Amino acid sequence: MRELIQLAMKVSDNTPLIFIDPDTALWIRELEPDLELVPDRDNFEYVYRASDLAELPGKKYQKIRSHLNRFRRNCMSTVEPITPENLEEVMELLKKWRDWKGCDKNPVLSHEVEAAFYAVEHFMELRLRGFLLRVDSEVGAISIFERLNADTALIHFEKGLPDCEGIYKAINAETAAALADEVEYINRESDLGVGGLREAKLRYHPHHMVEVYSLKRPSPVSGGRCPSRVSFREHEVLFAALKRTN
């Protein structure tokens, strides 16, 4: 176990391991008390009560309800599950969203939309689920999610076009309403440190946050050389090996 952690320390930069969940962080602390584990706020995951997102109850959701009601008055919409029959329409929406957002000029958005395309291309084999929202028969928004565990659903993607104001609030509410009968919580992932995204997620009043940690070096790398970080795939393999040895 120690050898694997030492390997991570050797081959990567000053943050050898990232996205460490609380249970694994506790285990690493017991194993190697001298290692520094720091909270990674940008990657904390937002978890909401499904019923809150579906019903938007009380004064704290008043402004969101107003925006949602305005959307429903101004835009005639319908919602349907994503199926093999409408996957091509989902792909077309993602292409429109990519062009609207100028993803080719933004590396973060470019990677995000690539991941969304992959999810749609492998929708059935990944056992994903989702909804699309039509406005005047055209797909205007989508949500893609999966069942994380017995009481939680995980939203992977939520995309909408700007044609109707409030469309994101609409697909959010419709997805939550459908999931509220199945799960108690909805995990809407992290904000990645993006200010506007953080503000939007906090506005929905999360029930709790799932904390994640990063492993830091206790001292600078000697010799002034900073080894390159392991790739995402290498990190996955190493992390899986760490868990297996627990």
Protein backbone atom coordinates (compact mmCIF):
# COMPACT_ATOMS: atom_id res chain seq x y z
CA MET A 1 0.00 0.00 0.00
CA ARG A 2 2.71 2.43 0.97
CA GLU A 3 4.63 1.51 -2.18
CA LEU A 4 1.67 2.50 -4.35
CA ILE A 5 1.30 5.86 -2.65
CA GLN A 6 5.03 6.41 -2.98
CA LEU A 7 4.77 5.63 -6.69
CA ALA A 8 2.11 8.31 -7.07
CA MET A 9 4.35 10.74 -5.21
CA LYS A 10 7.26 9.86 -7.48
CA VAL A 11 5.70 10.08 -10.92
CA SER A 12 3.43 13.12 -10.55
CA ASP A 13 3.70 16.76 -9.60
CA ASN A 14 2.85 18.50 -6.33
CA THR A 15 -0.68 17.06 -6.34
CA PRO A 16 -0.12 13.31 -6.83
CA LEU A 17 -3.71 12.21 -6.17
CA ILE A 18 -6.96 14.12 -6.68
CA PHE A 19 -10.70 13.48 -6.28
CA ILE A 20 -10.23 11.53 -3.05
CA ASP A 21 -13.51 10.82 -1.25
CA PRO A 22 -13.81 11.25 2.55
CA ASP A 23 -13.59 7.52 3.36
CA THR A 24 -10.45 7.09 1.28
CA ALA A 25 -8.97 10.27 2.78
CA LEU A 26 -9.48 8.83 6.26
CA TRP A 27 -7.83 5.58 5.21
CA ILE A 28 -4.82 7.40 3.72
CA ARG A 29 -4.45 9.50 6.89
CA GLU A 30 -4.37 6.35 9.00
CA LEU A 31 -1.86 4.76 6.64
CA GLU A 32 0.42 7.77 6.15
CA PRO A 33 -0.23 10.43 8.85
CA ASP A 34 2.50 12.71 7.51
CA LEU A 35 0.87 13.18 4.11
CA GLU A 36 -1.12 16.36 3.58
CA LEU A 37 -4.73 15.97 2.43
CA VAL A 38 -6.47 19.25 1.65
CA PRO A 39 -10.14 19.90 0.83
CA ASP A 40 -10.67 20.57 -2.88
CA ARG A 41 -13.61 22.98 -2.71
CA ASP A 42 -13.82 23.43 -6.48
CA ASN A 43 -14.72 19.75 -6.80
CA PHE A 44 -17.12 19.41 -3.87
CA GLU A 45 -20.34 17.87 -5.20
CA TYR A 46 -23.71 19.51 -4.62
CA VAL A 47 -26.43 17.18 -3.33
CA TYR A 48 -30.06 18.30 -3.15
CA ARG A 49 -33.29 16.78 -1.96
CA ALA A 50 -35.12 15.61 -5.06
CA SER A 51 -38.39 16.93 -3.65
CA ASP A 52 -36.88 20.41 -3.22
CA LEU A 53 -35.80 20.59 -6.85
CA ALA A 54 -39.14 19.23 -8.01
CA GLU A 55 -41.44 21.38 -5.86
CA LEU A 56 -39.30 24.48 -5.21
CA PRO A 57 -41.04 25.03 -1.87
CA GLY A 58 -41.05 28.10 0.32
CA LYS A 59 -39.77 31.64 0.13
CA LYS A 60 -36.17 30.69 -0.62
CA TYR A 61 -37.21 29.32 -4.02
CA GLN A 62 -39.63 32.14 -4.85
CA LYS A 63 -37.47 33.77 -7.52
CA ILE A 64 -36.75 30.44 -9.23
CA ARG A 65 -40.47 29.60 -9.22
CA SER A 66 -41.23 32.96 -10.82
CA HIS A 67 -38.72 32.35 -13.62
CA LEU A 68 -40.06 28.84 -14.16
CA ASN A 69 -43.66 30.04 -14.31
CA ARG A 70 -42.67 32.71 -16.84
CA PHE A 71 -41.10 30.01 -19.01
CA ARG A 72 -44.24 27.90 -18.81
CA ARG A 73 -46.42 30.86 -19.80
CA ASN A 74 -44.26 31.92 -22.72
CA CYS A 75 -43.05 28.60 -24.13
CA MET A 76 -45.24 25.65 -25.02
CA SER A 77 -43.15 22.66 -23.99
CA THR A 78 -43.35 18.91 -23.61
CA VAL A 79 -40.99 16.45 -21.93
CA GLU A 80 -40.12 12.91 -22.92
CA PRO A 81 -37.51 10.30 -21.98
CA ILE A 82 -34.39 9.97 -24.08
CA THR A 83 -34.66 6.76 -26.10
CA PRO A 84 -32.78 5.17 -29.00
CA GLU A 85 -35.37 6.76 -31.28
CA ASN A 86 -34.54 10.34 -30.31
CA LEU A 87 -30.80 10.08 -29.59
CA GLU A 88 -29.98 11.72 -32.92
CA GLU A 89 -32.02 14.75 -31.89
CA VAL A 90 -30.06 14.89 -28.65
CA MET A 91 -26.83 14.91 -30.67
CA GLU A 92 -28.15 17.75 -32.80
CA LEU A 93 -28.94 19.80 -29.71
CA LEU A 94 -25.41 19.26 -28.40
CA LYS A 95 -23.98 20.44 -31.72
CA LYS A 96 -26.11 23.59 -31.58
CA TRP A 97 -25.07 24.16 -27.97
CA ARG A 98 -21.40 23.68 -28.92
CA ASP A 99 -21.66 26.27 -31.68
CA TRP A 100 -23.61 28.72 -29.52
CA LYS A 101 -21.06 28.50 -26.70
CA GLY A 102 -18.04 28.63 -29.01
CA CYS A 103 -16.61 25.48 -27.44
CA ASP A 104 -13.75 25.33 -29.94
CA LYS A 105 -12.30 28.45 -28.29
CA ASN A 106 -12.73 27.25 -24.71
CA PRO A 107 -10.76 24.13 -23.67
CA VAL A 108 -12.97 23.45 -20.64
CA LEU A 109 -16.21 23.61 -22.63
CA SER A 110 -14.59 21.67 -25.46
CA HIS A 111 -13.75 18.77 -23.15
CA GLU A 112 -17.21 18.94 -21.61
CA VAL A 113 -19.05 18.73 -24.90
CA GLU A 114 -16.76 15.90 -26.06
CA ALA A 115 -17.73 13.98 -22.92
CA ALA A 116 -21.40 14.70 -23.61
CA PHE A 117 -21.08 13.42 -27.18
CA TYR A 118 -19.42 10.26 -25.88
CA ALA A 119 -22.21 9.75 -23.34
CA VAL A 120 -24.87 10.04 -26.03
CA GLU A 121 -22.99 7.79 -28.46
CA HIS A 122 -22.74 5.10 -25.76
CA PHE A 123 -25.99 5.95 -24.02
CA MET A 124 -27.44 2.46 -23.84
CA GLU A 125 -24.26 0.56 -22.99
CA LEU A 126 -23.46 3.05 -20.22
CA ARG A 127 -26.99 2.52 -18.89
CA LEU A 128 -27.65 6.22 -18.79
CA ARG A 129 -31.06 7.82 -18.63
CA GLY A 130 -32.31 11.24 -19.55
CA PHE A 131 -35.05 13.59 -20.63
CA LEU A 132 -35.45 16.01 -23.47
CA LEU A 133 -37.65 19.07 -23.44
CA ARG A 134 -39.28 20.19 -26.65
CA VAL A 135 -40.37 23.75 -27.38
CA ASP A 136 -42.70 23.96 -30.37
CA SER A 137 -41.68 20.37 -31.25
CA GLU A 138 -37.95 21.24 -31.39
CA VAL A 139 -35.56 19.88 -28.74
CA GLY A 140 -34.54 22.83 -26.59
CA ALA A 141 -32.96 21.18 -23.55
CA ILE A 142 -31.73 17.82 -22.28
CA SER A 143 -30.66 16.16 -19.07
CA ILE A 144 -28.55 13.01 -18.81
CA PHE A 145 -28.20 11.13 -15.55
CA GLU A 146 -27.80 7.76 -13.88
CA ARG A 147 -28.78 6.08 -10.65
CA LEU A 148 -25.76 6.45 -8.36
CA ASN A 149 -27.03 4.27 -5.51
CA ALA A 150 -30.24 3.34 -3.74
CA ASP A 151 -31.15 6.88 -2.71
CA THR A 152 -29.26 9.16 -5.12
CA ALA A 153 -29.35 10.04 -8.82
CA LEU A 154 -26.34 11.71 -10.46
CA ILE A 155 -26.88 14.39 -13.10
CA HIS A 156 -24.06 14.26 -15.64
CA PHE A 157 -25.20 16.79 -18.22
CA GLU A 158 -27.87 19.45 -18.48
CA LYS A 159 -27.86 21.55 -21.65
CA GLY A 160 -30.28 24.05 -23.11
CA LEU A 161 -30.51 26.55 -25.94
CA PRO A 162 -31.21 30.26 -25.36
CA ASP A 163 -34.43 30.47 -27.36
CA CYS A 164 -36.69 30.43 -24.29
CA GLU A 165 -35.67 32.18 -21.08
CA GLY A 166 -35.83 29.82 -18.11
CA ILE A 167 -35.34 26.62 -20.07
CA TYR A 168 -32.60 25.39 -17.72
CA LYS A 169 -34.91 25.83 -14.75
CA ALA A 170 -37.57 23.90 -16.65
CA ILE A 171 -35.43 20.87 -17.51
CA ASN A 172 -34.07 20.88 -13.95
CA ALA A 173 -37.56 20.85 -12.44
CA GLU A 174 -38.92 18.26 -14.87
CA THR A 175 -36.00 15.91 -14.27
CA ALA A 176 -36.31 16.28 -10.50
CA ALA A 177 -40.07 15.69 -10.62
CA ALA A 178 -39.51 12.42 -12.48
CA LEU A 179 -36.77 11.31 -10.09
CA ALA A 180 -38.48 12.33 -6.86
CA ASP A 181 -40.49 9.10 -6.83
CA GLU A 182 -37.30 7.03 -7.16
CA VAL A 183 -34.64 8.71 -5.03
CA GLU A 184 -34.31 11.03 -2.07
CA TYR A 185 -31.30 12.95 -3.36
CA ILE A 186 -29.96 14.36 -6.61
CA ASN A 187 -26.22 14.90 -7.00
CA ARG A 188 -25.53 17.71 -9.46
CA GLU A 189 -21.74 17.37 -9.40
CA SER A 190 -19.25 20.18 -8.77
CA ASP A 191 -18.87 23.78 -9.89
CA LEU A 192 -15.19 23.40 -10.93
CA GLY A 193 -14.47 26.74 -9.28
CA VAL A 194 -16.49 28.65 -11.90
CA GLY A 195 -18.01 31.63 -10.12
CA GLY A 196 -21.27 31.82 -12.06
CA LEU A 197 -21.82 28.09 -11.83
CA ARG A 198 -21.16 28.11 -8.09
CA GLU A 199 -23.66 30.91 -7.60
CA ALA A 200 -26.28 29.05 -9.63
CA LYS A 201 -25.80 25.81 -7.69
CA LEU A 202 -25.94 27.56 -4.32
CA ARG A 203 -29.13 29.32 -5.37
CA TYR A 204 -30.86 25.94 -5.33
CA HIS A 205 -29.89 25.40 -1.66
CA PRO A 206 -28.06 22.05 -1.53
CA HIS A 207 -28.95 19.69 1.29
CA HIS A 208 -25.28 18.81 1.73
CA MET A 209 -21.95 18.72 -0.08
CA VAL A 210 -19.83 15.66 -0.85
CA GLU A 211 -16.30 16.70 0.06
CA VAL A 212 -13.29 15.59 -1.95
CA TYR A 213 -9.61 15.97 -1.16
CA SER A 214 -6.28 16.27 -2.92
CA LEU A 215 -3.03 14.73 -1.73
CA LYS A 216 -0.24 17.30 -1.54
CA ARG A 217 3.49 16.83 -1.22
CA PRO A 218 4.86 17.57 2.25
CA SER A 219 7.81 19.46 0.71
CA PRO A 220 8.87 20.83 -2.72
CA VAL A 221 10.32 18.47 -5.30
CA SER A 222 14.12 18.45 -5.02
CA GLY A 223 16.32 19.62 -7.85
CA GLY A 224 13.80 22.10 -9.19
CA ARG A 225 12.26 19.56 -11.56
CA CYS A 226 8.52 19.03 -11.52
CA PRO A 227 7.54 15.68 -13.03
CA SER A 228 4.47 15.74 -15.23
CA ARG A 229 1.18 14.68 -13.73
CA VAL A 230 -0.04 11.17 -14.41
CA SER A 231 -2.76 10.93 -17.00
CA PHE A 232 -6.38 10.51 -16.01
CA ARG A 233 -6.28 6.84 -17.00
CA GLU A 234 -3.06 6.24 -15.03
CA HIS A 235 -4.64 7.92 -12.04
CA GLU A 236 -7.68 5.63 -12.33
CA VAL A 237 -5.50 2.51 -12.42
CA LEU A 238 -3.38 3.65 -9.50
CA PHE A 239 -6.39 4.66 -7.44
CA ALA A 240 -8.10 1.32 -8.10
CA ALA A 241 -4.95 -0.48 -6.99
CA LEU A 242 -4.88 1.57 -3.80
CA LYS A 243 -8.46 0.60 -3.04
CA ARG A 244 -7.83 -3.08 -3.73
CA THR A 245 -5.02 -3.17 -1.21
CA ASN A 246 -7.21 -1.70 1.53
